[in-house]
N, C-alpha and C. Protein backbone atom coordinates (compact mmCIF):
# COMPACT_ATOMS: atom_id res chain seq x y z
N UNK A 1 -10.86 8.82 -25.50
CA UNK A 1 -10.78 9.77 -24.39
C UNK A 1 -10.33 11.13 -24.89
N UNK A 2 -10.87 12.16 -24.27
CA UNK A 2 -10.34 13.49 -24.55
C UNK A 2 -8.95 13.59 -23.92
N UNK A 3 -8.14 14.55 -24.35
CA UNK A 3 -6.81 14.70 -23.73
C UNK A 3 -6.88 14.90 -22.22
N UNK A 4 -7.91 15.62 -21.76
CA UNK A 4 -8.04 15.88 -20.33
C UNK A 4 -8.33 14.59 -19.55
N UNK A 5 -9.22 13.76 -20.10
CA UNK A 5 -9.53 12.50 -19.43
C UNK A 5 -8.34 11.55 -19.52
N UNK A 6 -7.63 11.57 -20.64
CA UNK A 6 -6.44 10.75 -20.79
C UNK A 6 -5.39 11.12 -19.75
N UNK A 7 -5.23 12.41 -19.50
CA UNK A 7 -4.25 12.86 -18.50
C UNK A 7 -4.63 12.37 -17.11
N UNK A 8 -5.92 12.39 -16.80
CA UNK A 8 -6.38 11.88 -15.51
C UNK A 8 -6.12 10.39 -15.41
N UNK A 9 -6.45 9.65 -16.48
CA UNK A 9 -6.21 8.21 -16.49
C UNK A 9 -4.73 7.90 -16.32
N UNK A 10 -3.88 8.66 -16.99
CA UNK A 10 -2.44 8.43 -16.89
C UNK A 10 -1.94 8.64 -15.47
N UNK A 11 -2.50 9.63 -14.78
CA UNK A 11 -2.07 9.86 -13.39
C UNK A 11 -2.48 8.69 -12.51
N UNK A 12 -3.70 8.20 -12.70
CA UNK A 12 -4.12 7.02 -11.94
C UNK A 12 -3.17 5.85 -12.19
N UNK A 13 -2.83 5.62 -13.45
CA UNK A 13 -1.96 4.50 -13.81
C UNK A 13 -0.58 4.65 -13.16
N UNK A 14 -0.01 5.83 -13.28
CA UNK A 14 1.33 6.08 -12.76
C UNK A 14 1.38 5.95 -11.24
N UNK A 15 0.43 6.60 -10.55
CA UNK A 15 0.50 6.60 -9.10
C UNK A 15 0.14 5.25 -8.52
N UNK A 16 -0.82 4.54 -9.15
CA UNK A 16 -1.15 3.21 -8.65
C UNK A 16 0.02 2.26 -8.84
N UNK A 17 0.74 2.38 -9.96
CA UNK A 17 1.90 1.53 -10.19
C UNK A 17 2.98 1.79 -9.15
N UNK A 18 3.17 3.04 -8.77
CA UNK A 18 4.18 3.37 -7.78
C UNK A 18 3.78 2.86 -6.40
N UNK A 19 2.50 2.97 -6.07
CA UNK A 19 2.01 2.44 -4.80
C UNK A 19 2.21 0.92 -4.74
N UNK A 20 1.92 0.23 -5.83
CA UNK A 20 2.15 -1.22 -5.87
C UNK A 20 3.64 -1.53 -5.68
N UNK A 21 4.48 -0.71 -6.26
CA UNK A 21 5.92 -0.89 -6.11
C UNK A 21 6.33 -0.72 -4.64
N UNK A 22 5.79 0.28 -3.98
CA UNK A 22 6.08 0.48 -2.56
C UNK A 22 5.65 -0.75 -1.76
N UNK A 23 4.49 -1.30 -2.10
CA UNK A 23 4.00 -2.48 -1.39
C UNK A 23 4.98 -3.64 -1.50
N UNK A 24 5.59 -3.79 -2.68
CA UNK A 24 6.52 -4.90 -2.87
C UNK A 24 7.85 -4.66 -2.16
N UNK A 25 8.13 -3.41 -1.80
CA UNK A 25 9.36 -3.09 -1.08
C UNK A 25 9.22 -3.25 0.43
N UNK A 26 8.00 -3.45 0.90
CA UNK A 26 7.80 -3.60 2.34
C UNK A 26 8.54 -4.84 2.84
N UNK A 27 9.28 -4.72 3.92
CA UNK A 27 9.99 -5.88 4.46
C UNK A 27 9.01 -6.85 5.12
N UNK A 28 9.52 -7.97 5.54
CA UNK A 28 8.68 -8.94 6.23
C UNK A 28 8.02 -8.28 7.45
N UNK A 29 6.72 -8.41 7.54
CA UNK A 29 5.97 -7.78 8.61
C UNK A 29 5.60 -6.34 8.33
N UNK A 30 6.10 -5.78 7.24
CA UNK A 30 5.86 -4.37 6.94
C UNK A 30 4.40 -4.05 6.66
N UNK A 31 3.69 -4.98 6.05
CA UNK A 31 2.28 -4.72 5.73
C UNK A 31 1.41 -4.66 6.98
N UNK A 32 1.92 -5.18 8.08
CA UNK A 32 1.16 -5.16 9.33
C UNK A 32 1.51 -3.96 10.21
N UNK A 33 2.39 -3.11 9.75
CA UNK A 33 2.73 -1.92 10.53
C UNK A 33 1.56 -0.94 10.54
N UNK A 34 1.37 -0.22 11.65
CA UNK A 34 0.32 0.81 11.67
C UNK A 34 0.72 2.00 10.80
N UNK A 35 -0.26 2.61 10.19
CA UNK A 35 -0.02 3.80 9.37
C UNK A 35 -0.25 5.03 10.25
N UNK A 36 0.75 5.89 10.39
CA UNK A 36 0.58 7.08 11.24
C UNK A 36 -0.64 7.91 10.84
N UNK A 37 -1.44 8.24 11.84
CA UNK A 37 -2.61 9.07 11.60
C UNK A 37 -3.87 8.30 11.23
N UNK A 38 -3.76 6.98 11.13
CA UNK A 38 -4.91 6.15 10.75
C UNK A 38 -5.04 4.99 11.73
N UNK A 39 -6.21 4.38 11.71
CA UNK A 39 -6.41 3.17 12.49
C UNK A 39 -6.24 1.94 11.60
N UNK A 40 -5.43 2.08 10.57
CA UNK A 40 -5.21 1.02 9.58
C UNK A 40 -3.76 0.56 9.61
N UNK A 41 -3.57 -0.67 9.18
CA UNK A 41 -2.23 -1.14 8.86
C UNK A 41 -1.91 -0.76 7.42
N UNK A 42 -0.67 -1.00 7.02
CA UNK A 42 -0.28 -0.71 5.64
C UNK A 42 -1.15 -1.51 4.68
N UNK A 43 -1.40 -2.78 4.96
CA UNK A 43 -2.20 -3.59 4.03
C UNK A 43 -3.62 -3.05 3.92
N UNK A 44 -4.16 -2.55 5.03
CA UNK A 44 -5.51 -1.99 4.99
C UNK A 44 -5.55 -0.68 4.22
N UNK A 45 -4.51 0.14 4.34
CA UNK A 45 -4.44 1.37 3.55
C UNK A 45 -4.36 1.04 2.06
N UNK A 46 -3.54 0.06 1.71
CA UNK A 46 -3.43 -0.32 0.31
C UNK A 46 -4.76 -0.85 -0.21
N UNK A 47 -5.46 -1.62 0.61
CA UNK A 47 -6.78 -2.12 0.21
C UNK A 47 -7.76 -0.96 0.03
N UNK A 48 -7.67 0.04 0.89
CA UNK A 48 -8.51 1.23 0.75
C UNK A 48 -8.28 1.90 -0.61
N UNK A 49 -7.02 2.01 -1.02
CA UNK A 49 -6.71 2.62 -2.31
C UNK A 49 -7.28 1.79 -3.45
N UNK A 50 -7.17 0.46 -3.34
CA UNK A 50 -7.72 -0.40 -4.38
C UNK A 50 -9.23 -0.32 -4.44
N UNK A 51 -9.89 -0.34 -3.29
CA UNK A 51 -11.35 -0.25 -3.26
C UNK A 51 -11.82 1.09 -3.80
N UNK A 52 -11.08 2.15 -3.53
CA UNK A 52 -11.45 3.46 -4.04
C UNK A 52 -11.49 3.48 -5.57
N UNK A 53 -10.56 2.79 -6.20
CA UNK A 53 -10.56 2.73 -7.67
C UNK A 53 -11.84 2.08 -8.16
N UNK A 54 -12.27 1.01 -7.49
CA UNK A 54 -13.53 0.37 -7.86
C UNK A 54 -14.71 1.30 -7.63
N UNK A 55 -14.68 2.06 -6.53
CA UNK A 55 -15.76 3.00 -6.24
C UNK A 55 -15.83 4.09 -7.32
N UNK A 56 -14.68 4.61 -7.72
CA UNK A 56 -14.68 5.64 -8.76
C UNK A 56 -15.25 5.09 -10.07
N UNK A 57 -14.88 3.86 -10.40
CA UNK A 57 -15.40 3.24 -11.63
C UNK A 57 -16.92 3.10 -11.57
N UNK A 58 -17.43 2.69 -10.41
CA UNK A 58 -18.88 2.54 -10.25
C UNK A 58 -19.58 3.89 -10.38
N UNK A 59 -18.97 4.94 -9.85
CA UNK A 59 -19.55 6.28 -9.97
C UNK A 59 -19.65 6.69 -11.43
N UNK A 60 -18.60 6.42 -12.21
CA UNK A 60 -18.62 6.77 -13.63
C UNK A 60 -19.72 5.99 -14.35
N UNK A 61 -19.82 4.70 -14.06
CA UNK A 61 -20.85 3.89 -14.72
C UNK A 61 -22.26 4.40 -14.36
N UNK A 62 -22.47 4.76 -13.11
CA UNK A 62 -23.77 5.32 -12.72
C UNK A 62 -24.07 6.59 -13.50
N UNK A 63 -23.08 7.44 -13.57
CA UNK A 63 -23.22 8.73 -14.26
C UNK A 63 -23.55 8.54 -15.74
N UNK A 64 -22.87 7.59 -16.37
CA UNK A 64 -23.12 7.34 -17.80
C UNK A 64 -24.52 6.79 -18.04
N UNK A 65 -25.11 6.16 -17.04
CA UNK A 65 -26.47 5.64 -17.14
C UNK A 65 -27.52 6.70 -16.79
N UNK A 66 -27.06 7.91 -16.48
CA UNK A 66 -27.98 8.98 -16.14
C UNK A 66 -28.42 8.98 -14.69
N UNK A 67 -27.75 8.19 -13.88
CA UNK A 67 -28.07 8.12 -12.46
C UNK A 67 -27.11 9.02 -11.67
N UNK A 68 -27.44 9.34 -10.42
CA UNK A 68 -26.48 10.09 -9.59
C UNK A 68 -25.19 9.28 -9.45
N UNK A 69 -24.04 9.92 -9.59
CA UNK A 69 -22.78 9.17 -9.46
C UNK A 69 -22.66 8.45 -8.12
N UNK A 70 -23.07 9.14 -7.06
CA UNK A 70 -23.00 8.55 -5.72
C UNK A 70 -24.42 8.21 -5.29
N UNK A 71 -24.71 6.94 -5.07
CA UNK A 71 -26.07 6.55 -4.66
C UNK A 71 -26.49 7.22 -3.36
N UNK A 72 -27.77 7.49 -3.24
CA UNK A 72 -28.29 8.10 -2.01
C UNK A 72 -27.99 7.19 -0.82
N UNK A 73 -27.45 7.80 0.23
CA UNK A 73 -27.16 7.03 1.43
C UNK A 73 -25.80 6.37 1.45
N UNK A 74 -25.02 6.55 0.39
CA UNK A 74 -23.69 5.95 0.35
C UNK A 74 -22.83 6.55 1.45
N UNK A 75 -22.19 5.71 2.23
CA UNK A 75 -21.42 6.15 3.40
C UNK A 75 -19.96 5.75 3.22
N UNK A 76 -19.09 6.70 2.87
CA UNK A 76 -17.68 6.33 2.65
C UNK A 76 -17.02 5.79 3.90
N UNK A 77 -17.40 6.29 5.08
CA UNK A 77 -16.82 5.76 6.31
C UNK A 77 -17.15 4.30 6.51
N UNK A 78 -18.37 3.93 6.19
CA UNK A 78 -18.79 2.54 6.31
C UNK A 78 -18.04 1.67 5.31
N UNK A 79 -17.91 2.16 4.09
CA UNK A 79 -17.17 1.41 3.06
C UNK A 79 -15.72 1.22 3.50
N UNK A 80 -15.11 2.26 4.04
CA UNK A 80 -13.72 2.16 4.49
C UNK A 80 -13.58 1.13 5.61
N UNK A 81 -14.53 1.15 6.54
CA UNK A 81 -14.47 0.19 7.65
C UNK A 81 -14.64 -1.24 7.15
N UNK A 82 -15.55 -1.44 6.19
CA UNK A 82 -15.77 -2.77 5.63
C UNK A 82 -14.54 -3.25 4.88
N UNK A 83 -13.92 -2.35 4.13
CA UNK A 83 -12.71 -2.71 3.38
C UNK A 83 -11.58 -3.07 4.34
N UNK A 84 -11.40 -2.28 5.39
CA UNK A 84 -10.34 -2.56 6.37
C UNK A 84 -10.55 -3.92 7.02
N UNK A 85 -11.80 -4.25 7.33
CA UNK A 85 -12.09 -5.55 7.95
C UNK A 85 -11.88 -6.69 6.97
N UNK A 86 -12.33 -6.50 5.75
CA UNK A 86 -12.24 -7.58 4.74
C UNK A 86 -10.79 -7.92 4.41
N UNK A 87 -9.92 -6.92 4.38
CA UNK A 87 -8.54 -7.15 3.94
C UNK A 87 -7.54 -7.10 5.10
N UNK A 88 -8.02 -7.26 6.31
CA UNK A 88 -7.16 -7.19 7.49
C UNK A 88 -6.01 -8.19 7.42
N UNK A 89 -6.29 -9.37 6.87
CA UNK A 89 -5.27 -10.42 6.80
C UNK A 89 -4.95 -10.82 5.37
N UNK A 90 -5.26 -9.97 4.42
CA UNK A 90 -5.04 -10.30 3.01
C UNK A 90 -3.55 -10.42 2.71
N UNK A 91 -3.23 -11.30 1.80
CA UNK A 91 -1.84 -11.48 1.37
C UNK A 91 -1.45 -10.35 0.42
N UNK A 92 -0.15 -10.19 0.22
CA UNK A 92 0.32 -9.19 -0.74
C UNK A 92 -0.25 -9.45 -2.13
N UNK A 93 -0.23 -10.69 -2.65
CA UNK A 93 -0.83 -10.91 -3.98
C UNK A 93 -2.30 -10.50 -4.04
N UNK A 94 -3.04 -10.72 -2.96
CA UNK A 94 -4.45 -10.32 -2.95
C UNK A 94 -4.60 -8.80 -3.00
N UNK A 95 -3.74 -8.11 -2.28
CA UNK A 95 -3.78 -6.64 -2.29
C UNK A 95 -3.41 -6.11 -3.68
N UNK A 96 -2.37 -6.67 -4.26
CA UNK A 96 -1.94 -6.23 -5.59
C UNK A 96 -3.03 -6.52 -6.63
N UNK A 97 -3.71 -7.65 -6.48
CA UNK A 97 -4.80 -8.00 -7.40
C UNK A 97 -5.95 -7.01 -7.27
N UNK A 98 -6.26 -6.60 -6.05
CA UNK A 98 -7.32 -5.63 -5.84
C UNK A 98 -6.97 -4.29 -6.50
N UNK A 99 -5.73 -3.85 -6.32
CA UNK A 99 -5.30 -2.61 -6.95
C UNK A 99 -5.35 -2.71 -8.48
N UNK A 100 -4.89 -3.84 -9.01
CA UNK A 100 -4.89 -4.01 -10.46
C UNK A 100 -6.29 -4.08 -11.03
N UNK A 101 -7.17 -4.83 -10.39
CA UNK A 101 -8.55 -4.95 -10.88
C UNK A 101 -9.27 -3.62 -10.78
N UNK A 102 -9.03 -2.89 -9.69
CA UNK A 102 -9.65 -1.59 -9.54
C UNK A 102 -9.22 -0.62 -10.63
N UNK A 103 -7.92 -0.62 -10.93
CA UNK A 103 -7.43 0.27 -11.98
C UNK A 103 -8.01 -0.12 -13.33
N UNK A 104 -8.04 -1.41 -13.65
CA UNK A 104 -8.59 -1.85 -14.93
C UNK A 104 -10.05 -1.44 -15.06
N UNK A 105 -10.81 -1.59 -13.98
CA UNK A 105 -12.22 -1.22 -14.01
C UNK A 105 -12.39 0.28 -14.23
N UNK A 106 -11.56 1.06 -13.56
CA UNK A 106 -11.67 2.52 -13.71
C UNK A 106 -11.27 2.97 -15.10
N UNK A 107 -10.19 2.44 -15.63
CA UNK A 107 -9.76 2.86 -16.97
C UNK A 107 -10.81 2.48 -18.01
N UNK A 108 -11.43 1.32 -17.86
CA UNK A 108 -12.50 0.93 -18.79
C UNK A 108 -13.68 1.90 -18.69
N UNK A 109 -14.01 2.31 -17.47
CA UNK A 109 -15.12 3.26 -17.29
C UNK A 109 -14.77 4.61 -17.90
N UNK A 110 -13.55 5.08 -17.68
CA UNK A 110 -13.14 6.36 -18.26
C UNK A 110 -13.14 6.30 -19.79
N UNK A 111 -12.72 5.17 -20.34
CA UNK A 111 -12.67 5.02 -21.79
C UNK A 111 -14.07 5.03 -22.41
N UNK A 112 -15.08 4.70 -21.62
CA UNK A 112 -16.45 4.66 -22.14
C UNK A 112 -17.13 6.03 -22.14
N UNK A 113 -16.47 7.05 -21.62
CA UNK A 113 -17.09 8.38 -21.55
C UNK A 113 -17.07 9.03 -22.94
N UNK A 114 -18.23 9.36 -23.50
CA UNK A 114 -18.24 10.08 -24.77
C UNK A 114 -17.55 11.43 -24.61
N UNK A 115 -16.88 11.87 -25.65
CA UNK A 115 -16.12 13.11 -25.57
C UNK A 115 -16.99 14.28 -25.13
N UNK A 116 -18.25 14.32 -25.57
CA UNK A 116 -19.09 15.47 -25.24
C UNK A 116 -19.59 15.44 -23.80
N UNK A 117 -19.41 14.30 -23.11
CA UNK A 117 -19.81 14.24 -21.70
C UNK A 117 -18.70 14.69 -20.76
N UNK A 118 -17.47 14.63 -21.22
CA UNK A 118 -16.33 14.89 -20.33
C UNK A 118 -16.34 16.30 -19.76
N UNK A 119 -16.92 17.25 -20.51
CA UNK A 119 -16.95 18.63 -20.04
C UNK A 119 -18.18 18.93 -19.18
N UNK A 120 -19.02 17.92 -18.95
CA UNK A 120 -20.26 18.14 -18.22
C UNK A 120 -20.10 18.03 -16.72
N UNK A 121 -21.23 18.15 -16.04
CA UNK A 121 -21.24 18.06 -14.59
C UNK A 121 -21.28 16.61 -14.14
N UNK A 122 -20.67 16.38 -12.99
CA UNK A 122 -20.63 15.06 -12.38
C UNK A 122 -21.16 15.24 -10.97
N UNK A 123 -22.47 15.15 -10.84
CA UNK A 123 -23.07 15.53 -9.57
C UNK A 123 -23.01 17.04 -9.42
N UNK A 124 -22.61 17.54 -8.26
CA UNK A 124 -22.62 19.00 -8.03
C UNK A 124 -21.45 19.75 -8.66
N UNK A 125 -20.44 19.03 -9.15
CA UNK A 125 -19.26 19.70 -9.71
C UNK A 125 -18.95 19.15 -11.10
N UNK A 126 -18.15 19.88 -11.88
CA UNK A 126 -17.77 19.36 -13.20
C UNK A 126 -17.01 18.04 -13.08
N UNK A 127 -17.18 17.19 -14.07
CA UNK A 127 -16.51 15.88 -14.07
C UNK A 127 -15.00 16.03 -13.94
N UNK A 128 -14.41 16.90 -14.77
CA UNK A 128 -12.95 17.02 -14.78
C UNK A 128 -12.43 17.51 -13.43
N UNK A 129 -13.13 18.45 -12.83
CA UNK A 129 -12.70 18.96 -11.52
C UNK A 129 -12.77 17.85 -10.47
N UNK A 130 -13.84 17.09 -10.51
CA UNK A 130 -14.00 16.00 -9.53
C UNK A 130 -12.91 14.96 -9.69
N UNK A 131 -12.63 14.56 -10.92
CA UNK A 131 -11.65 13.49 -11.12
C UNK A 131 -10.21 13.97 -11.01
N UNK A 132 -9.97 15.24 -11.16
CA UNK A 132 -8.64 15.74 -10.84
C UNK A 132 -8.36 15.58 -9.35
N UNK A 133 -9.39 15.77 -8.53
CA UNK A 133 -9.26 15.54 -7.09
C UNK A 133 -9.09 14.04 -6.81
N UNK A 134 -9.95 13.22 -7.41
CA UNK A 134 -9.86 11.77 -7.19
C UNK A 134 -8.50 11.22 -7.59
N UNK A 135 -7.94 11.74 -8.67
CA UNK A 135 -6.67 11.20 -9.17
C UNK A 135 -5.50 11.52 -8.25
N UNK A 136 -5.71 12.42 -7.29
CA UNK A 136 -4.67 12.71 -6.32
C UNK A 136 -4.80 11.91 -5.04
N UNK A 137 -5.65 10.89 -5.05
CA UNK A 137 -5.92 10.14 -3.83
C UNK A 137 -4.68 9.40 -3.32
N UNK A 138 -3.93 8.79 -4.23
CA UNK A 138 -2.71 8.08 -3.79
C UNK A 138 -1.73 9.05 -3.16
N UNK A 139 -1.57 10.21 -3.77
CA UNK A 139 -0.64 11.21 -3.23
C UNK A 139 -1.08 11.66 -1.84
N UNK A 140 -2.39 11.75 -1.63
CA UNK A 140 -2.91 12.14 -0.33
C UNK A 140 -2.42 11.21 0.78
N UNK A 141 -2.25 9.93 0.44
CA UNK A 141 -1.83 8.94 1.43
C UNK A 141 -0.34 8.62 1.36
N UNK A 142 0.38 9.28 0.47
CA UNK A 142 1.78 8.91 0.24
C UNK A 142 2.66 9.13 1.46
N UNK A 143 2.49 10.26 2.14
CA UNK A 143 3.38 10.57 3.27
C UNK A 143 3.20 9.57 4.41
N UNK A 144 2.00 9.32 4.89
CA UNK A 144 1.88 8.30 5.95
C UNK A 144 2.30 6.91 5.49
N UNK A 145 2.09 6.59 4.20
CA UNK A 145 2.53 5.29 3.70
C UNK A 145 4.05 5.17 3.77
N UNK A 146 4.76 6.21 3.37
CA UNK A 146 6.23 6.17 3.42
C UNK A 146 6.75 6.29 4.85
N UNK A 147 6.00 6.96 5.71
CA UNK A 147 6.39 6.99 7.11
C UNK A 147 6.28 5.59 7.73
N UNK A 148 5.32 4.80 7.24
CA UNK A 148 5.17 3.43 7.73
C UNK A 148 6.16 2.47 7.09
N UNK A 149 6.56 2.76 5.85
CA UNK A 149 7.52 1.92 5.11
C UNK A 149 8.71 2.79 4.72
N UNK A 150 9.51 3.24 5.68
CA UNK A 150 10.63 4.13 5.35
C UNK A 150 11.70 3.45 4.50
N UNK A 151 11.69 2.11 4.47
CA UNK A 151 12.66 1.39 3.63
C UNK A 151 12.51 1.75 2.15
N UNK A 152 11.34 2.26 1.76
CA UNK A 152 11.09 2.58 0.35
C UNK A 152 11.44 4.02 -0.02
N UNK A 153 11.84 4.83 0.97
CA UNK A 153 11.99 6.26 0.73
C UNK A 153 13.06 6.59 -0.31
N UNK A 154 14.16 5.82 -0.36
CA UNK A 154 15.24 6.14 -1.27
C UNK A 154 15.18 5.35 -2.58
N UNK A 155 14.09 4.66 -2.80
CA UNK A 155 13.93 3.94 -4.06
C UNK A 155 13.78 4.96 -5.19
N UNK A 156 14.46 4.78 -6.32
CA UNK A 156 14.40 5.76 -7.41
C UNK A 156 12.99 6.04 -7.92
N UNK A 157 12.16 5.01 -8.07
CA UNK A 157 10.80 5.22 -8.56
C UNK A 157 9.97 6.04 -7.57
N UNK A 158 10.17 5.76 -6.30
CA UNK A 158 9.44 6.47 -5.27
C UNK A 158 9.88 7.94 -5.22
N UNK A 159 11.19 8.15 -5.28
CA UNK A 159 11.70 9.53 -5.29
C UNK A 159 11.22 10.29 -6.51
N UNK A 160 11.20 9.64 -7.65
CA UNK A 160 10.74 10.30 -8.88
C UNK A 160 9.31 10.79 -8.73
N UNK A 161 8.48 9.95 -8.09
CA UNK A 161 7.08 10.33 -7.87
C UNK A 161 6.95 11.48 -6.87
N UNK A 162 7.55 11.32 -5.71
CA UNK A 162 7.28 12.24 -4.63
C UNK A 162 8.05 13.55 -4.71
N UNK A 163 9.22 13.54 -5.33
CA UNK A 163 9.95 14.80 -5.47
C UNK A 163 9.40 15.66 -6.59
N UNK A 164 8.66 15.04 -7.51
CA UNK A 164 8.07 15.80 -8.62
C UNK A 164 6.61 16.16 -8.36
N UNK A 165 6.03 15.62 -7.28
CA UNK A 165 4.61 15.82 -7.00
C UNK A 165 4.34 17.25 -6.54
N UNK A 166 3.12 17.71 -6.82
CA UNK A 166 2.67 19.02 -6.35
C UNK A 166 1.78 18.81 -5.13
N UNK A 167 2.39 18.86 -3.95
CA UNK A 167 1.63 18.66 -2.73
C UNK A 167 0.81 19.92 -2.43
N UNK A 168 -0.41 19.73 -1.91
CA UNK A 168 -1.32 20.87 -1.74
C UNK A 168 -1.13 21.67 -0.46
N UNK A 169 -0.42 21.12 0.53
CA UNK A 169 -0.33 21.83 1.81
C UNK A 169 1.12 22.19 2.13
N UNK A 170 1.28 23.19 2.98
CA UNK A 170 2.62 23.62 3.39
C UNK A 170 3.33 22.52 4.16
N UNK A 171 2.59 21.79 4.99
CA UNK A 171 3.19 20.70 5.77
C UNK A 171 3.73 19.62 4.85
N UNK A 172 2.95 19.26 3.84
CA UNK A 172 3.38 18.23 2.90
C UNK A 172 4.58 18.71 2.08
N UNK A 173 4.57 19.98 1.69
CA UNK A 173 5.71 20.51 0.93
C UNK A 173 6.98 20.54 1.78
N UNK A 174 6.84 20.81 3.07
CA UNK A 174 8.00 20.77 3.96
C UNK A 174 8.54 19.35 4.06
N UNK A 175 7.64 18.36 4.12
CA UNK A 175 8.05 16.94 4.12
C UNK A 175 8.80 16.62 2.84
N UNK A 176 8.33 17.16 1.71
CA UNK A 176 8.97 16.93 0.42
C UNK A 176 10.38 17.52 0.39
N UNK A 177 10.56 18.70 0.97
CA UNK A 177 11.89 19.32 1.04
C UNK A 177 12.83 18.45 1.87
N UNK A 178 12.33 17.93 2.97
CA UNK A 178 13.14 17.04 3.81
C UNK A 178 13.53 15.78 3.05
N UNK A 179 12.57 15.24 2.27
CA UNK A 179 12.87 14.05 1.47
C UNK A 179 13.98 14.36 0.46
N UNK A 180 13.92 15.51 -0.17
CA UNK A 180 14.96 15.89 -1.13
C UNK A 180 16.32 16.00 -0.44
N UNK A 181 16.35 16.62 0.73
CA UNK A 181 17.59 16.74 1.48
C UNK A 181 18.14 15.36 1.86
N UNK A 182 17.24 14.47 2.27
CA UNK A 182 17.66 13.11 2.63
C UNK A 182 18.20 12.37 1.41
N UNK A 183 17.57 12.60 0.25
CA UNK A 183 18.02 11.94 -0.98
C UNK A 183 19.41 12.44 -1.37
N UNK A 184 19.65 13.74 -1.24
CA UNK A 184 20.97 14.30 -1.55
C UNK A 184 22.04 13.71 -0.61
N UNK A 185 21.69 13.61 0.65
CA UNK A 185 22.64 13.04 1.61
C UNK A 185 22.90 11.56 1.30
N UNK A 186 21.84 10.86 0.93
CA UNK A 186 21.98 9.45 0.60
C UNK A 186 22.91 9.27 -0.60
N UNK A 187 22.73 10.09 -1.63
CA UNK A 187 23.58 10.00 -2.82
C UNK A 187 25.03 10.32 -2.47
N UNK A 188 25.24 11.33 -1.61
CA UNK A 188 26.59 11.71 -1.21
C UNK A 188 27.28 10.57 -0.46
N UNK A 189 26.51 9.84 0.33
CA UNK A 189 27.08 8.75 1.13
C UNK A 189 27.10 7.41 0.42
N UNK A 190 26.39 7.33 -0.70
CA UNK A 190 26.32 6.09 -1.49
C UNK A 190 26.57 6.44 -2.95
N UNK A 191 27.82 6.76 -3.32
CA UNK A 191 28.11 7.24 -4.68
C UNK A 191 27.75 6.24 -5.77
N UNK A 192 27.63 4.98 -5.44
CA UNK A 192 27.28 3.98 -6.45
C UNK A 192 25.77 3.75 -6.55
N UNK A 193 25.00 4.47 -5.73
CA UNK A 193 23.54 4.29 -5.75
C UNK A 193 22.98 4.77 -7.08
N UNK A 194 21.99 4.07 -7.58
CA UNK A 194 21.37 4.39 -8.87
C UNK A 194 20.24 5.38 -8.66
N UNK A 195 20.61 6.59 -8.23
CA UNK A 195 19.62 7.64 -8.03
C UNK A 195 20.00 8.86 -8.87
N UNK A 196 18.99 9.56 -9.33
CA UNK A 196 19.21 10.82 -10.02
C UNK A 196 18.53 11.90 -9.21
N UNK A 197 19.29 12.92 -8.82
CA UNK A 197 18.74 13.98 -7.99
C UNK A 197 17.77 14.82 -8.81
N UNK A 198 16.69 15.21 -8.17
CA UNK A 198 15.70 16.08 -8.78
C UNK A 198 16.08 17.52 -8.43
N UNK A 199 16.37 18.29 -9.45
CA UNK A 199 16.79 19.68 -9.20
C UNK A 199 15.56 20.57 -9.05
C-alpha cells in the first residue's frame, strides 16, 4: 500500500474497532433502542456499518477489474433497507462478525491496489478523495450511536476517538465541545476514573 492508502486503511481499522467496542458496552436491550434521526435500531445501524465495509470492498474489486466501481442501477437505499431487515434480530456476535468480515474484506481489497493505481480516478472522483470520505463513515454515525447508547460516552476508548475527531459540521463540533465538558465534569466527580482529559 502507498502511505496514503495505508492511512485510509488504518482509519477504517481504528474506527471500526471503536464501534465494535461501543457495541459491547450496550446494556441489556441496548441494541434494540431506536437511533435518533433514523428508522433503525442500534443493531441495524451497526449492521449498516458492517455491510458498508463489504460494499466498499466490492467497489474496489470492481475498479481493479476495470469495471465501474458502482454497478449501474445500484440503489444504496434499497441495500440499507435490505440490511436493516436482514439483521433486525441479529445477535451481538453476528453483528460483530459482520463488522469483522467486512473490515477484513476491505483491507484485502485495499492491499491489492497497485501503487500506480492509487492516484487514479475512482469513478467520477479520485480514488483517494473518495475513500477519505468513505473512511469517515463511522464518524458520521457516531453522534446518534452515542445518543442511543449514552452508557458508552465516558469510556476512555470512546472519548479518545470522539474528542480527537475532526467533525465536519458546526453542530457536530458543538456536540464534541459538550462531550469534552461532560468528560471534565465526570473526571472531577470520579477522581479514581481511568480517564485522560484531551486538552
